[in-house]
PDB file of N, CA and C in Angstrom:
ATOM      1  N   MET A   1       0.830  -1.178   0.003  1.00  0.00           N
ATOM      2  CA  MET A   1       0.006   0.003   0.004  1.00  0.00           C
ATOM      3  C   MET A   1       0.885   1.249  -0.005  1.00  0.00           C
ATOM      4  N   MET A   2       0.542   2.191  -0.836  1.00  0.00           N
ATOM      5  CA  MET A   2       1.288   3.445  -0.972  1.00  0.00           C
ATOM      6  C   MET A   2       0.775   4.446   0.068  1.00  0.00           C
ATOM      7  N   GLU A   3       1.715   5.180   0.683  1.00  0.00           N
ATOM      8  CA  GLU A   3       1.368   6.178   1.692  1.00  0.00           C
ATOM      9  C   GLU A   3       2.132   7.469   1.409  1.00  0.00           C
ATOM     10  N   LEU A   4       1.437   8.602   1.552  1.00  0.00           N
ATOM     11  CA  LEU A   4       2.059   9.899   1.449  1.00  0.00           C
ATOM     12  C   LEU A   4       2.012  10.534   2.839  1.00  0.00           C
ATOM     13  N   ILE A   5       3.167  10.930   3.343  1.00  0.00           N
ATOM     14  CA  ILE A   5       3.249  11.554   4.651  1.00  0.00           C
ATOM     15  C   ILE A   5       3.664  13.009   4.457  1.00  0.00           C
ATOM     16  N   TYR A   6       2.827  13.932   4.942  1.00  0.00           N
ATOM     17  CA  TYR A   6       3.069  15.372   4.789  1.00  0.00           C
ATOM     18  C   TYR A   6       3.437  15.926   6.158  1.00  0.00           C
ATOM     19  N   PHE A   7       4.680  16.384   6.296  1.00  0.00           N
ATOM     20  CA  PHE A   7       5.164  16.971   7.540  1.00  0.00           C
ATOM     21  C   PHE A   7       4.945  18.483   7.495  1.00  0.00           C
ATOM     22  N   THR A   8       4.308  19.015   8.514  1.00  0.00           N
ATOM     23  CA  THR A   8       3.909  20.419   8.533  1.00  0.00           C
ATOM     24  C   THR A   8       4.019  20.991   9.937  1.00  0.00           C
ATOM     25  N   SER A   9       3.786  22.285  10.025  1.00  0.00           N
ATOM     26  CA  SER A   9       3.763  22.978  11.300  1.00  0.00           C
ATOM     27  C   SER A   9       2.783  24.151  11.203  1.00  0.00           C
ATOM     28  N   LYS A  10       2.218  24.523  12.315  1.00  0.00           N
ATOM     29  CA  LYS A  10       1.285  25.662  12.321  1.00  0.00           C
ATOM     30  C   LYS A  10       1.998  26.962  11.996  1.00  0.00           C
ATOM     31  N   THR A  11       3.305  27.000  12.159  1.00  0.00           N
ATOM     32  CA  THR A  11       4.063  28.233  11.895  1.00  0.00           C
ATOM     33  C   THR A  11       4.713  28.260  10.531  1.00  0.00           C
ATOM     34  N   CYS A  12       4.492  27.239   9.714  1.00  0.00           N
ATOM     35  CA  CYS A  12       5.095  27.154   8.382  1.00  0.00           C
ATOM     36  C   CYS A  12       4.122  27.707   7.336  1.00  0.00           C
ATOM     37  N   GLY A  13       4.399  28.903   6.847  1.00  0.00           N
ATOM     38  CA  GLY A  13       3.526  29.560   5.873  1.00  0.00           C
ATOM     39  C   GLY A  13       3.423  28.785   4.570  1.00  0.00           C
ATOM     40  N   VAL A  14       4.557  28.290   4.076  1.00  0.00           N
ATOM     41  CA  VAL A  14       4.561  27.511   2.841  1.00  0.00           C
ATOM     42  C   VAL A  14       3.701  26.257   2.997  1.00  0.00           C
ATOM     43  N   CYS A  15       3.837  25.614   4.152  1.00  0.00           N
ATOM     44  CA  CYS A  15       3.055  24.396   4.423  1.00  0.00           C
ATOM     45  C   CYS A  15       1.563  24.661   4.335  1.00  0.00           C
ATOM     46  N   MET A  16       1.134  25.761   4.919  1.00  0.00           N
ATOM     47  CA  MET A  16      -0.289  26.074   4.960  1.00  0.00           C
ATOM     48  C   MET A  16      -0.865  26.369   3.577  1.00  0.00           C
ATOM     49  N   VAL A  17      -0.054  26.935   2.698  1.00  0.00           N
ATOM     50  CA  VAL A  17      -0.505  27.230   1.324  1.00  0.00           C
ATOM     51  C   VAL A  17      -0.484  25.963   0.485  1.00  0.00           C
ATOM     52  N   LEU A  18       0.573  25.180   0.606  1.00  0.00           N
ATOM     53  CA  LEU A  18       0.764  23.989  -0.221  1.00  0.00           C
ATOM     54  C   LEU A  18      -0.129  22.822   0.203  1.00  0.00           C
ATOM     55  N   LYS A  19      -0.332  22.651   1.488  1.00  0.00           N
ATOM     56  CA  LYS A  19      -1.036  21.448   1.999  1.00  0.00           C
ATOM     57  C   LYS A  19      -2.415  21.235   1.381  1.00  0.00           C
ATOM     58  N   PRO A  20      -3.324  22.204   1.385  1.00  0.00           N
ATOM     59  CA  PRO A  20      -4.650  21.921   0.848  1.00  0.00           C
ATOM     60  C   PRO A  20      -4.622  21.598  -0.648  1.00  0.00           C
ATOM     61  N   LYS A  21      -3.767  22.285  -1.396  1.00  0.00           N
ATOM     62  CA  LYS A  21      -3.673  22.022  -2.833  1.00  0.00           C
ATOM     63  C   LYS A  21      -3.133  20.627  -3.114  1.00  0.00           C
ATOM     64  N   LEU A  22      -2.078  20.267  -2.398  1.00  0.00           N
ATOM     65  CA  LEU A  22      -1.450  18.955  -2.609  1.00  0.00           C
ATOM     66  C   LEU A  22      -2.373  17.841  -2.178  1.00  0.00           C
ATOM     67  N   LEU A  23      -2.955  17.950  -0.995  1.00  0.00           N
ATOM     68  CA  LEU A  23      -3.805  16.860  -0.495  1.00  0.00           C
ATOM     69  C   LEU A  23      -5.034  16.667  -1.384  1.00  0.00           C
ATOM     70  N   GLU A  24      -5.620  17.734  -1.845  1.00  0.00           N
ATOM     71  CA  GLU A  24      -6.769  17.636  -2.735  1.00  0.00           C
ATOM     72  C   GLU A  24      -6.385  16.951  -4.054  1.00  0.00           C
ATOM     73  N   ALA A  25      -5.236  17.358  -4.616  1.00  0.00           N
ATOM     74  CA  ALA A  25      -4.784  16.787  -5.876  1.00  0.00           C
ATOM     75  C   ALA A  25      -4.468  15.299  -5.738  1.00  0.00           C
ATOM     76  N   VAL A  26      -3.851  14.916  -4.630  1.00  0.00           N
ATOM     77  CA  VAL A  26      -3.528  13.486  -4.401  1.00  0.00           C
ATOM     78  C   VAL A  26      -4.810  12.682  -4.230  1.00  0.00           C
ATOM     79  N   GLN A  27      -5.728  13.187  -3.416  1.00  0.00           N
ATOM     80  CA  GLN A  27      -6.995  12.469  -3.191  1.00  0.00           C
ATOM     81  C   GLN A  27      -7.783  12.291  -4.487  1.00  0.00           C
ATOM     82  N   GLU A  28      -7.748  13.323  -5.316  1.00  0.00           N
ATOM     83  CA  GLU A  28      -8.491  13.288  -6.572  1.00  0.00           C
ATOM     84  C   GLU A  28      -7.868  12.337  -7.595  1.00  0.00           C
ATOM     85  N   ASN A  29      -6.536  12.346  -7.693  1.00  0.00           N
ATOM     86  CA  ASN A  29      -5.838  11.559  -8.723  1.00  0.00           C
ATOM     87  C   ASN A  29      -5.384  10.187  -8.247  1.00  0.00           C
ATOM     88  N   PHE A  30      -5.185  10.011  -6.956  1.00  0.00           N
ATOM     89  CA  PHE A  30      -4.683   8.748  -6.418  1.00  0.00           C
ATOM     90  C   PHE A  30      -5.463   8.364  -5.161  1.00  0.00           C
ATOM     91  N   PRO A  31      -6.747   8.044  -5.316  1.00  0.00           N
ATOM     92  CA  PRO A  31      -7.572   7.745  -4.145  1.00  0.00           C
ATOM     93  C   PRO A  31      -7.090   6.520  -3.354  1.00  0.00           C
ATOM     94  N   GLU A  32      -6.289   5.681  -3.970  1.00  0.00           N
ATOM     95  CA  GLU A  32      -5.774   4.480  -3.291  1.00  0.00           C
ATOM     96  C   GLU A  32      -4.591   4.788  -2.371  1.00  0.00           C
ATOM     97  N   VAL A  33      -4.030   5.999  -2.456  1.00  0.00           N
ATOM     98  CA  VAL A  33      -2.883   6.379  -1.636  1.00  0.00           C
ATOM     99  C   VAL A  33      -3.371   6.892  -0.283  1.00  0.00           C
ATOM    100  N   ASN A  34      -2.859   6.300   0.776  1.00  0.00           N
ATOM    101  CA  ASN A  34      -3.171   6.768   2.135  1.00  0.00           C
ATOM    102  C   ASN A  34      -2.394   8.047   2.407  1.00  0.00           C
ATOM    103  N   ILE A  35      -3.042   9.009   3.024  1.00  0.00           N
ATOM    104  CA  ILE A  35      -2.401  10.285   3.341  1.00  0.00           C
ATOM    105  C   ILE A  35      -2.344  10.447   4.847  1.00  0.00           C
ATOM    106  N   ARG A  36      -1.180  10.825   5.344  1.00  0.00           N
ATOM    107  CA  ARG A  36      -0.989  11.114   6.761  1.00  0.00           C
ATOM    108  C   ARG A  36      -0.385  12.506   6.885  1.00  0.00           C
ATOM    109  N   VAL A  37      -0.988  13.352   7.664  1.00  0.00           N
ATOM    110  CA  VAL A  37      -0.466  14.689   7.932  1.00  0.00           C
ATOM    111  C   VAL A  37       0.147  14.674   9.321  1.00  0.00           C
ATOM    112  N   VAL A  38       1.413  15.082   9.402  1.00  0.00           N
ATOM    113  CA  VAL A  38       2.149  15.037  10.670  1.00  0.00           C
ATOM    114  C   VAL A  38       2.487  16.468  11.076  1.00  0.00           C
ATOM    115  N   ASP A  39       1.999  16.904  12.208  1.00  0.00           N
ATOM    116  CA  ASP A  39       2.390  18.188  12.784  1.00  0.00           C
ATOM    117  C   ASP A  39       3.682  17.931  13.572  1.00  0.00           C
ATOM    118  N   VAL A  40       4.789  18.514  13.119  1.00  0.00           N
ATOM    119  CA  VAL A  40       6.093  18.201  13.702  1.00  0.00           C
ATOM    120  C   VAL A  40       6.194  18.615  15.174  1.00  0.00           C
ATOM    121  N   GLU A  41       5.389  19.594  15.585  1.00  0.00           N
ATOM    122  CA  GLU A  41       5.416  20.041  16.976  1.00  0.00           C
ATOM    123  C   GLU A  41       4.676  19.068  17.896  1.00  0.00           C
ATOM    124  N   GLU A  42       3.709  18.338  17.340  1.00  0.00           N
ATOM    125  CA  GLU A  42       2.930  17.382  18.132  1.00  0.00           C
ATOM    126  C   GLU A  42       3.510  15.971  18.087  1.00  0.00           C
ATOM    127  N   GLU A  43       4.145  15.623  16.981  1.00  0.00           N
ATOM    128  CA  GLU A  43       4.700  14.272  16.821  1.00  0.00           C
ATOM    129  C   GLU A  43       6.215  14.342  16.673  1.00  0.00           C
ATOM    130  N   THR A  44       6.869  14.851  17.708  1.00  0.00           N
ATOM    131  CA  THR A  44       8.310  15.073  17.635  1.00  0.00           C
ATOM    132  C   THR A  44       9.114  13.783  17.488  1.00  0.00           C
ATOM    133  N   GLU A  45       8.678  12.732  18.156  1.00  0.00           N
ATOM    134  CA  GLU A  45       9.434  11.476  18.072  1.00  0.00           C
ATOM    135  C   GLU A  45       9.381  10.875  16.665  1.00  0.00           C
ATOM    136  N   PHE A  46       8.178  10.832  16.073  1.00  0.00           N
ATOM    137  CA  PHE A  46       8.041  10.309  14.710  1.00  0.00           C
ATOM    138  C   PHE A  46       8.790  11.209  13.708  1.00  0.00           C
ATOM    139  N   THR A  47       8.736  12.527  13.924  1.00  0.00           N
ATOM    140  CA  THR A  47       9.454  13.451  13.056  1.00  0.00           C
ATOM    141  C   THR A  47      10.960  13.180  13.089  1.00  0.00           C
ATOM    142  N   GLY A  48      11.500  12.984  14.292  1.00  0.00           N
ATOM    143  CA  GLY A  48      12.921  12.684  14.432  1.00  0.00           C
ATOM    144  C   GLY A  48      13.292  11.348  13.823  1.00  0.00           C
ATOM    145  N   GLN A  49      12.459  10.330  14.047  1.00  0.00           N
ATOM    146  CA  GLN A  49      12.713   9.015  13.481  1.00  0.00           C
ATOM    147  C   GLN A  49      12.694   9.076  11.938  1.00  0.00           C
ATOM    148  N   SER A  50      11.901  10.002  11.396  1.00  0.00           N
ATOM    149  CA  SER A  50      11.788  10.159   9.949  1.00  0.00           C
ATOM    150  C   SER A  50      12.878  11.068   9.389  1.00  0.00           C
ATOM    151  N   MET A  51      13.729  11.587  10.282  1.00  0.00           N
ATOM    152  CA  MET A  51      14.828  12.465   9.898  1.00  0.00           C
ATOM    153  C   MET A  51      14.348  13.686   9.118  1.00  0.00           C
ATOM    154  N   VAL A  52      13.330  14.335   9.658  1.00  0.00           N
ATOM    155  CA  VAL A  52      12.778  15.549   9.063  1.00  0.00           C
ATOM    156  C   VAL A  52      13.330  16.722   9.844  1.00  0.00           C
ATOM    157  N   PHE A  53      14.072  17.605   9.155  1.00  0.00           N
ATOM    158  CA  PHE A  53      14.736  18.728   9.819  1.00  0.00           C
ATOM    159  C   PHE A  53      14.388  20.064   9.180  1.00  0.00           C
ATOM    160  N   THR A  54      13.528  20.057   8.180  1.00  0.00           N
ATOM    161  CA  THR A  54      13.091  21.252   7.491  1.00  0.00           C
ATOM    162  C   THR A  54      11.636  21.066   7.107  1.00  0.00           C
ATOM    163  N   LEU A  55      10.976  22.122   6.676  1.00  0.00           N
ATOM    164  CA  LEU A  55       9.577  22.018   6.255  1.00  0.00           C
ATOM    165  C   LEU A  55       9.361  22.805   4.984  1.00  0.00           C
ATOM    166  N   PRO A  56       8.359  22.445   4.206  1.00  0.00           N
ATOM    167  CA  PRO A  56       7.590  21.203   4.292  1.00  0.00           C
ATOM    168  C   PRO A  56       8.371  20.009   3.776  1.00  0.00           C
ATOM    169  N   VAL A  57       7.958  18.833   4.193  1.00  0.00           N
ATOM    170  CA  VAL A  57       8.527  17.580   3.700  1.00  0.00           C
ATOM    171  C   VAL A  57       7.379  16.630   3.371  1.00  0.00           C
ATOM    172  N   VAL A  58       7.528  15.981   2.213  1.00  0.00           N
ATOM    173  CA  VAL A  58       6.589  14.936   1.806  1.00  0.00           C
ATOM    174  C   VAL A  58       7.390  13.669   1.578  1.00  0.00           C
ATOM    175  N   ILE A  59       6.985  12.586   2.226  1.00  0.00           N
ATOM    176  CA  ILE A  59       7.623  11.284   2.024  1.00  0.00           C
ATOM    177  C   ILE A  59       6.601  10.358   1.417  1.00  0.00           C
ATOM    178  N   ILE A  60       6.999   9.682   0.360  1.00  0.00           N
ATOM    179  CA  ILE A  60       6.144   8.654  -0.251  1.00  0.00           C
ATOM    180  C   ILE A  60       6.733   7.305   0.107  1.00  0.00           C
ATOM    181  N   LYS A  61       5.883   6.460   0.690  1.00  0.00           N
ATOM    182  CA  LYS A  61       6.309   5.125   1.099  1.00  0.00           C
ATOM    183  C   LYS A  61       5.473   4.073   0.404  1.00  0.00           C
ATOM    184  N   ALA A  62       6.094   2.949   0.122  1.00  0.00           N
ATOM    185  CA  ALA A  62       5.395   1.748  -0.356  1.00  0.00           C
ATOM    186  C   ALA A  62       5.685   0.673   0.690  1.00  0.00           C
ATOM    187  N   GLY A  63       4.644   0.268   1.406  1.00  0.00           N
ATOM    188  CA  GLY A  63       4.867  -0.612   2.540  1.00  0.00           C
ATOM    189  C   GLY A  63       5.592   0.191   3.590  1.00  0.00           C
ATOM    190  N   SER A  64       6.696  -0.304   4.064  1.00  0.00           N
ATOM    191  CA  SER A  64       7.494   0.429   5.060  1.00  0.00           C
ATOM    192  C   SER A  64       8.736   1.064   4.427  1.00  0.00           C
ATOM    193  N   LYS A  65       8.857   0.963   3.108  1.00  0.00           N
ATOM    194  CA  LYS A  65      10.051   1.464   2.417  1.00  0.00           C
ATOM    195  C   LYS A  65       9.810   2.859   1.853  1.00  0.00           C
ATOM    196  N   GLU A  66      10.737   3.768   2.171  1.00  0.00           N
ATOM    197  CA  GLU A  66      10.668   5.119   1.627  1.00  0.00           C
ATOM    198  C   GLU A  66      11.054   5.073   0.154  1.00  0.00           C
ATOM    199  N   MET A  67      10.146   5.558  -0.694  1.00  0.00           N
ATOM    200  CA  MET A  67      10.375   5.535  -2.138  1.00  0.00           C
ATOM    201  C   MET A  67      10.898   6.867  -2.655  1.00  0.00           C
ATOM    202  N   HIS A  68      10.443   7.975  -2.041  1.00  0.00           N
ATOM    203  CA  HIS A  68      10.890   9.295  -2.464  1.00  0.00           C
ATOM    204  C   HIS A  68      10.608  10.313  -1.365  1.00  0.00           C
ATOM    205  N   ARG A  69      11.441  11.360  -1.338  1.00  0.00           N
ATOM    206  CA  ARG A  69      11.299  12.425  -0.354  1.00  0.00           C
ATOM    207  C   ARG A  69      11.414  13.770  -1.052  1.00  0.00           C
ATOM    208  N   PHE A  70      10.447  14.621  -0.772  1.00  0.00           N
ATOM    209  CA  PHE A  70      10.482  16.010  -1.265  1.00  0.00           C
ATOM    210  C   PHE A  70      10.676  16.907  -0.059  1.00  0.00           C
ATOM    211  N   ALA A  71      11.576  17.887  -0.154  1.00  0.00           N
ATOM    212  CA  ALA A  71      11.828  18.771   0.970  1.00  0.00           C
ATOM    213  C   ALA A  71      12.016  20.216   0.500  1.00  0.00           C
ATOM    214  N   ARG A  72      11.447  21.128   1.287  1.00  0.00           N
ATOM    215  CA  ARG A  72      11.569  22.580   1.135  1.00  0.00           C
ATOM    216  C   ARG A  72      10.931  23.121  -0.119  1.00  0.00           C
ATOM    217  N   SER A  73      11.493  22.895  -1.276  1.00  0.00           N
ATOM    218  CA  SER A  73      11.006  23.533  -2.494  1.00  0.00           C
ATOM    219  C   SER A  73      10.585  22.476  -3.520  1.00  0.00           C
ATOM    220  N   PHE A  74       9.271  22.295  -3.667  1.00  0.00           N
ATOM    221  CA  PHE A  74       8.742  21.352  -4.643  1.00  0.00           C
ATOM    222  C   PHE A  74       7.325  21.771  -4.985  1.00  0.00           C
ATOM    223  N   SER A  75       6.821  21.223  -6.086  1.00  0.00           N
ATOM    224  CA  SER A  75       5.490  21.605  -6.539  1.00  0.00           C
ATOM    225  C   SER A  75       4.515  20.420  -6.416  1.00  0.00           C
ATOM    226  N   VAL A  76       3.243  20.752  -6.480  1.00  0.00           N
ATOM    227  CA  VAL A  76       2.208  19.729  -6.505  1.00  0.00           C
ATOM    228  C   VAL A  76       2.433  18.815  -7.699  1.00  0.00           C
ATOM    229  N   TYR A  77       2.759  19.416  -8.850  1.00  0.00           N
ATOM    230  CA  TYR A  77       3.002  18.628 -10.064  1.00  0.00           C
ATOM    231  C   TYR A  77       4.123  17.599  -9.866  1.00  0.00           C
ATOM    232  N   GLU A  78       5.201  17.989  -9.207  1.00  0.00           N
ATOM    233  CA  GLU A  78       6.326  17.054  -8.991  1.00  0.00           C
ATOM    234  C   GLU A  78       5.885  15.849  -8.143  1.00  0.00           C
ATOM    235  N   VAL A  79       5.113  16.091  -7.133  1.00  0.00           N
ATOM    236  CA  VAL A  79       4.633  15.004  -6.284  1.00  0.00           C
ATOM    237  C   VAL A  79       3.680  14.098  -7.052  1.00  0.00           C
ATOM    238  N   LEU A  80       2.745  14.692  -7.797  1.00  0.00           N
ATOM    239  CA  LEU A  80       1.816  13.884  -8.591  1.00  0.00           C
ATOM    240  C   LEU A  80       2.549  13.052  -9.655  1.00  0.00           C
ATOM    241  N   ASN A  81       3.533  13.657 -10.268  1.00  0.00           N
ATOM    242  CA  ASN A  81       4.337  12.945 -11.295  1.00  0.00           C
ATOM    243  C   ASN A  81       5.044  11.736 -10.671  1.00  0.00           C
ATOM    244  N   LYS A  82       5.633  11.938  -9.498  1.00  0.00           N
ATOM    245  CA  LYS A  82       6.347  10.828  -8.839  1.00  0.00           C
ATOM    246  C   LYS A  82       5.364   9.739  -8.408  1.00  0.00           C
ATOM    247  N   LEU A  83       4.193  10.134  -7.885  1.00  0.00           N
ATOM    248  CA  LEU A  83       3.194   9.127  -7.516  1.00  0.00           C
ATOM    249  C   LEU A  83       2.752   8.347  -8.755  1.00  0.00           C
ATOM    250  N   ASN A  84       2.580   9.032  -9.865  1.00  0.00           N
ATOM    251  CA  ASN A  84       2.210   8.368 -11.103  1.00  0.00           C
ATOM    252  C   ASN A  84       3.248   7.327 -11.507  1.00  0.00           C
ATOM    253  N   GLN A  85       4.515   7.706 -11.447  1.00  0.00           N
ATOM    254  CA  GLN A  85       5.600   6.765 -11.780  1.00  0.00           C
ATOM    255  C   GLN A  85       5.598   5.562 -10.822  1.00  0.00           C
ATOM    256  N   LEU A  86       5.483   5.827  -9.543  1.00  0.00           N
ATOM    257  CA  LEU A  86       5.547   4.763  -8.555  1.00  0.00           C
ATOM    258  C   LEU A  86       4.347   3.829  -8.632  1.00  0.00           C
ATOM    259  N   THR A  87       3.148   4.362  -8.872  1.00  0.00           N
ATOM    260  CA  THR A  87       1.972   3.512  -8.941  1.00  0.00           C
ATOM    261  C   THR A  87       2.005   2.670 -10.223  1.00  0.00           C
ATOM    262  N   LYS A  88       2.517   3.211 -11.287  1.00  0.00           N
ATOM    263  CA  LYS A  88       2.639   2.421 -12.531  1.00  0.00           C
ATOM    264  C   LYS A  88       3.613   1.253 -12.301  1.00  0.00           C
ATOM    265  N   ASN A  89       4.729   1.541 -11.649  1.00  0.00           N
ATOM    266  CA  ASN A  89       5.717   0.485 -11.373  1.00  0.00           C
ATOM    267  C   ASN A  89       5.165  -0.547 -10.420  1.00  0.00           C
ATOM    268  N   GLN A  90       4.368  -0.122  -9.452  1.00  0.00           N
ATOM    269  CA  GLN A  90       3.827  -1.023  -8.448  1.00  0.00           C
ATOM    270  C   GLN A  90       2.850  -2.015  -9.073  1.00  0.00           C
ATOM    271  N   TYR A  91       2.077  -1.563 -10.047  1.00  0.00           N
ATOM    272  CA  TYR A  91       1.037  -2.404 -10.610  1.00  0.00           C
ATOM    273  C   TYR A  91       1.393  -3.000 -11.974  1.00  0.00           C
ATOM    274  N   SER A  92       2.655  -2.815 -12.380  1.00  0.00           N
ATOM    275  CA  SER A  92       3.089  -3.393 -13.671  1.00  0.00           C
ATOM    276  C   SER A  92       3.577  -4.800 -13.496  1.00  0.00           C
TER     277      SER A  92
END
Protein backbone atom coordinates (compact mmCIF):
# COMPACT_ATOMS: atom_id res chain seq x y z
CA MET A 1 0.00 0.00 0.00
CA MET A 2 1.28 3.45 -0.97
CA GLU A 3 1.37 6.17 1.69
CA LEU A 4 2.06 9.90 1.45
CA ILE A 5 3.25 11.56 4.66
CA TYR A 6 3.07 15.37 4.79
CA PHE A 7 5.16 16.97 7.54
CA THR A 8 3.91 20.42 8.53
CA SER A 9 3.77 22.98 11.32
CA LYS A 10 1.29 25.66 12.33
CA THR A 11 4.07 28.23 11.90
CA CYS A 12 5.10 27.15 8.38
CA GLY A 13 3.53 29.55 5.87
CA VAL A 14 4.56 27.51 2.84
CA CYS A 15 3.06 24.39 4.42
CA MET A 16 -0.29 26.08 4.96
CA VAL A 17 -0.50 27.23 1.33
CA LEU A 18 0.76 23.99 -0.22
CA LYS A 19 -1.04 21.46 2.00
CA PRO A 20 -4.66 21.92 0.84
CA LYS A 21 -3.67 22.02 -2.83
CA LEU A 22 -1.45 18.96 -2.61
CA LEU A 23 -3.80 16.86 -0.49
CA GLU A 24 -6.77 17.64 -2.74
CA ALA A 25 -4.79 16.78 -5.88
CA VAL A 26 -3.53 13.50 -4.41
CA GLN A 27 -6.99 12.46 -3.19
CA GLU A 28 -8.49 13.29 -6.57
CA ASN A 29 -5.84 11.56 -8.72
CA PHE A 30 -4.68 8.75 -6.41
CA PRO A 31 -7.57 7.74 -4.14
CA GLU A 32 -5.78 4.48 -3.29
CA VAL A 33 -2.88 6.38 -1.64
CA ASN A 34 -3.17 6.77 2.14
CA ILE A 35 -2.41 10.29 3.34
CA ARG A 36 -0.99 11.11 6.77
CA VAL A 37 -0.46 14.69 7.93
CA VAL A 38 2.14 15.04 10.67
CA ASP A 39 2.40 18.18 12.79
CA VAL A 40 6.09 18.20 13.71
CA GLU A 41 5.42 20.03 16.97
CA GLU A 42 2.93 17.38 18.14
CA GLU A 43 4.69 14.27 16.81
CA THR A 44 8.31 15.08 17.64
CA GLU A 45 9.43 11.47 18.07
CA PHE A 46 8.04 10.32 14.71
CA THR A 47 9.46 13.45 13.06
CA GLY A 48 12.92 12.68 14.43
CA GLN A 49 12.71 9.02 13.47
CA SER A 50 11.78 10.16 9.94
CA MET A 51 14.83 12.47 9.90
CA VAL A 52 12.78 15.54 9.07
CA PHE A 53 14.74 18.72 9.81
CA THR A 54 13.08 21.26 7.50
CA LEU A 55 9.58 22.02 6.26
CA PRO A 56 7.58 21.21 4.29
CA VAL A 57 8.53 17.58 3.70
CA VAL A 58 6.59 14.94 1.80
CA ILE A 59 7.63 11.29 2.03
CA ILE A 60 6.15 8.66 -0.25
CA LYS A 61 6.31 5.12 1.11
CA ALA A 62 5.39 1.75 -0.36
CA GLY A 63 4.86 -0.60 2.55
CA SER A 64 7.49 0.43 5.05
CA LYS A 65 10.04 1.46 2.41
CA GLU A 66 10.66 5.12 1.63
CA MET A 67 10.38 5.53 -2.14
CA HIS A 68 10.89 9.30 -2.47
CA ARG A 69 11.30 12.42 -0.35
CA PHE A 70 10.48 16.01 -1.26
CA ALA A 71 11.82 18.78 0.97
CA ARG A 72 11.57 22.57 1.14
CA SER A 73 11.00 23.53 -2.50
CA PHE A 74 8.74 21.35 -4.64
CA SER A 75 5.49 21.60 -6.54
CA VAL A 76 2.20 19.73 -6.50
CA TYR A 77 3.00 18.63 -10.06
CA GLU A 78 6.32 17.06 -8.99
CA VAL A 79 4.63 15.01 -6.27
CA LEU A 80 1.82 13.88 -8.59
CA ASN A 81 4.33 12.95 -11.29
CA LYS A 82 6.35 10.83 -8.84
CA LEU A 83 3.18 9.13 -7.52
CA ASN A 84 2.21 8.37 -11.11
CA GLN A 85 5.60 6.76 -11.78
CA LEU A 86 5.54 4.76 -8.56
CA THR A 87 1.98 3.51 -8.94
CA LYS A 88 2.65 2.42 -12.53
CA ASN A 89 5.72 0.48 -11.38
CA GLN A 90 3.83 -1.03 -8.45
CA TYR A 91 1.03 -2.41 -10.61
CA SER A 92 3.09 -3.40 -13.67
